[in-house]
C-alpha atoms as a PDB file:
ATOM      1  CA  PRO A   1      -0.093   0.189  -0.189  1.00  0.00           C
ATOM      2  CA  VAL A   2       2.693   2.441   0.774  1.00  0.00           C
ATOM      3  CA  LYS A   3       4.348   2.298  -2.584  1.00  0.00           C
ATOM      4  CA  LEU A   4       0.724   2.817  -3.527  1.00  0.00           C
ATOM      5  CA  VAL A   5       0.259   6.469  -2.463  1.00  0.00           C
ATOM      6  CA  MET A   6       4.377   7.139  -2.142  1.00  0.00           C
ATOM      7  CA  PRO A   7       4.185   9.306  -5.835  1.00  0.00           C
ATOM      8  CA  ALA A   8       1.030  11.203  -4.659  1.00  0.00           C
ATOM      9  CA  LEU A   9       1.545  12.194  -1.436  1.00  0.00           C
ATOM     10  CA  LEU A  10       5.528  13.254  -3.141  1.00  0.00           C
ATOM     11  CA  GLN A  11       3.725  15.095  -5.751  1.00  0.00           C
ATOM     12  CA  GLY A  12       1.480  16.598  -3.154  1.00  0.00           C
ATOM     13  CA  VAL A  13       4.924  17.736  -0.982  1.00  0.00           C
ATOM     14  CA  GLU A  14       5.682  19.430  -4.762  1.00  0.00           C
ATOM     15  CA  ASP A  15       1.980  20.773  -5.236  1.00  0.00           C
ATOM     16  CA  ARG A  16       1.688  25.180  -5.311  1.00  0.00           C
ATOM     17  CA  ALA A  17      -1.057  24.526  -3.103  1.00  0.00           C
ATOM     18  CA  TRP A  18       0.340  25.292   0.985  1.00  0.00           C
ATOM     19  CA  ARG A  19      -3.115  23.114   2.106  1.00  0.00           C
ATOM     20  CA  THR A  20      -1.872  20.009  -0.329  1.00  0.00           C
ATOM     21  CA  LYS A  21       2.177  20.865   1.242  1.00  0.00           C
ATOM     22  CA  ALA A  22       0.982  20.641   4.210  1.00  0.00           C
ATOM     23  CA  ALA A  23      -1.110  17.473   4.224  1.00  0.00           C
ATOM     24  CA  SER A  24       1.327  15.680   2.017  1.00  0.00           C
ATOM     25  CA  VAL A  25       4.261  15.663   4.617  1.00  0.00           C
ATOM     26  CA  ASP A  26       1.742  15.363   7.433  1.00  0.00           C
ATOM     27  CA  LEU A  27       0.606  11.775   5.612  1.00  0.00           C
ATOM     28  CA  LEU A  28       3.890  11.195   5.406  1.00  0.00           C
ATOM     29  CA  GLY A  29       5.278  11.710   8.855  1.00  0.00           C
ATOM     30  CA  ALA A  30       1.824   9.229   9.916  1.00  0.00           C
ATOM     31  CA  MET A  31       2.443   6.123   7.428  1.00  0.00           C
ATOM     32  CA  ALA A  32       6.013   6.372  10.077  1.00  0.00           C
ATOM     33  CA  TYR A  33       3.455   4.494  12.216  1.00  0.00           C
ATOM     34  CA  CYS A  34       1.202   2.638   9.787  1.00  0.00           C
ATOM     35  CA  ALA A  35       3.646   1.304   7.746  1.00  0.00           C
ATOM     36  CA  PRO A  36       6.905   1.281   9.489  1.00  0.00           C
ATOM     37  CA  LYS A  37       8.553  -1.458   8.014  1.00  0.00           C
ATOM     38  CA  GLN A  38       7.490  -0.094   4.224  1.00  0.00           C
ATOM     39  CA  LEU A  39       8.222   3.353   4.852  1.00  0.00           C
ATOM     40  CA  GLY A  40      11.984   1.754   6.029  1.00  0.00           C
ATOM     41  CA  THR A  41      12.589   1.246   2.328  1.00  0.00           C
ATOM     42  CA  CYS A  42      11.421   4.745   1.260  1.00  0.00           C
ATOM     43  CA  LEU A  43      13.711   6.634   3.149  1.00  0.00           C
ATOM     44  CA  PRO A  44      16.116   7.419   0.356  1.00  0.00           C
ATOM     45  CA  THR A  45      13.551   8.825  -1.100  1.00  0.00           C
ATOM     46  CA  ILE A  46      11.372  10.509   1.994  1.00  0.00           C
ATOM     47  CA  VAL A  47      13.855  11.938   3.519  1.00  0.00           C
ATOM     48  CA  PRO A  48      15.678  14.804   1.012  1.00  0.00           C
ATOM     49  CA  VAL A  49      11.000  15.909  -0.230  1.00  0.00           C
ATOM     50  CA  LEU A  50      10.376  16.731   4.267  1.00  0.00           C
ATOM     51  CA  ALA A  51      14.294  18.133   3.965  1.00  0.00           C
ATOM     52  CA  ALA A  52      13.445  20.766   1.190  1.00  0.00           C
ATOM     53  CA  ALA A  53      10.254  20.935   2.648  1.00  0.00           C
ATOM     54  CA  VAL A  54      11.434  22.418   6.151  1.00  0.00           C
ATOM     55  CA  SER A  55      12.180  25.617   4.142  1.00  0.00           C
ATOM     56  CA  ASP A  56       8.879  26.149   2.688  1.00  0.00           C
ATOM     57  CA  THR A  57       7.281  30.017   2.576  1.00  0.00           C
ATOM     58  CA  HIS A  58       4.742  28.247   4.567  1.00  0.00           C
ATOM     59  CA  ALA A  59       4.889  27.898   8.215  1.00  0.00           C
ATOM     60  CA  LYS A  60       2.544  24.986   8.451  1.00  0.00           C
ATOM     61  CA  VAL A  61       4.539  23.394   5.903  1.00  0.00           C
ATOM     62  CA  ARG A  62       7.849  23.528   8.078  1.00  0.00           C
ATOM     63  CA  GLU A  63       6.020  22.815  11.208  1.00  0.00           C
ATOM     64  CA  GLY A  64       4.795  19.765   9.283  1.00  0.00           C
ATOM     65  CA  ALA A  65       8.100  19.208   8.043  1.00  0.00           C
ATOM     66  CA  ARG A  66       9.713  19.134  10.636  1.00  0.00           C
ATOM     67  CA  ALA A  67       7.287  16.685  12.411  1.00  0.00           C
ATOM     68  CA  ALA A  68       7.094  13.853   9.634  1.00  0.00           C
ATOM     69  CA  LEU A  69      11.091  14.290   9.956  1.00  0.00           C
ATOM     70  CA  ALA A  70      11.133  14.020  13.491  1.00  0.00           C
ATOM     71  CA  GLN A  71       8.740  10.654  12.877  1.00  0.00           C
ATOM     72  CA  VAL A  72      10.105   9.336  10.030  1.00  0.00           C
ATOM     73  CA  GLY A  73      13.655   9.848  12.275  1.00  0.00           C
ATOM     74  CA  ASN A  74      11.733   6.871  14.633  1.00  0.00           C
ATOM     75  CA  VAL A  75      11.328   3.549  12.522  1.00  0.00           C
ATOM     76  CA  ILE A  76      15.208   3.745  11.270  1.00  0.00           C
ATOM     77  CA  LYS A  77      16.044   0.505  12.924  1.00  0.00           C
ATOM     78  CA  ASN A  78      20.025   0.089  12.134  1.00  0.00           C
ATOM     79  CA  PRO A  79      22.383  -0.010  15.321  1.00  0.00           C
ATOM     80  CA  GLU A  80      24.827   2.814  13.455  1.00  0.00           C
ATOM     81  CA  ILE A  81      22.291   4.627  11.697  1.00  0.00           C
ATOM     82  CA  LEU A  82      19.657   4.754  15.595  1.00  0.00           C
ATOM     83  CA  ALA A  83      22.819   6.388  17.099  1.00  0.00           C
ATOM     84  CA  ILE A  84      23.215   9.379  15.191  1.00  0.00           C
ATOM     85  CA  ALA A  85      19.457   9.891  14.680  1.00  0.00           C
ATOM     86  CA  PRO A  86      17.638  12.420  16.189  1.00  0.00           C
ATOM     87  CA  MET A  87      20.887  14.623  15.066  1.00  0.00           C
ATOM     88  CA  LEU A  88      20.147  14.110  11.626  1.00  0.00           C
ATOM     89  CA  VAL A  89      16.854  14.834  12.108  1.00  0.00           C
ATOM     90  CA  GLU A  90      17.609  17.728  13.543  1.00  0.00           C
ATOM     91  CA  SER A  91      20.843  19.226  11.532  1.00  0.00           C
ATOM     92  CA  LEU A  92      17.905  17.913   8.576  1.00  0.00           C
ATOM     93  CA  SER A  93      14.762  20.032  10.987  1.00  0.00           C
ATOM     94  CA  ASP A  94      17.221  23.492  10.374  1.00  0.00           C
ATOM     95  CA  PRO A  95      17.960  24.491   7.131  1.00  0.00           C
ATOM     96  CA  ASP A  96      21.187  26.190   8.974  1.00  0.00           C
ATOM     97  CA  ARG A  97      21.937  23.465  10.110  1.00  0.00           C
ATOM     98  CA  THR A  98      21.932  21.760   7.548  1.00  0.00           C
ATOM     99  CA  ALA A  99      24.480  23.371   5.428  1.00  0.00           C
ATOM    100  CA  ARG A 100      26.815  22.842   8.487  1.00  0.00           C
ATOM    101  CA  ALA A 101      26.133  18.905   9.030  1.00  0.00           C
ATOM    102  CA  LEU A 102      26.828  18.950   4.749  1.00  0.00           C
END
């Protein structure tokens, strides 16, 4: 099911309407609880989209993207990455820190 809705949600994050963007990032974050294993395979696609949404012009989209990144970060089970996941999520959630972290 995740692979069926993922393209629509990713496209929604790129939409011009802020409400569509906000709803899409909220749903991406909610998927971390509904389908964590399936979402885990999509992380390389989802994380960059959410990281970009953190810099959106609308506050609701930025807030939703930050929350979604935190929720998606909870999906990570790899022990090496799990140890640094909070720092990664925090860095991706703050556009000023993202450049420094990279």
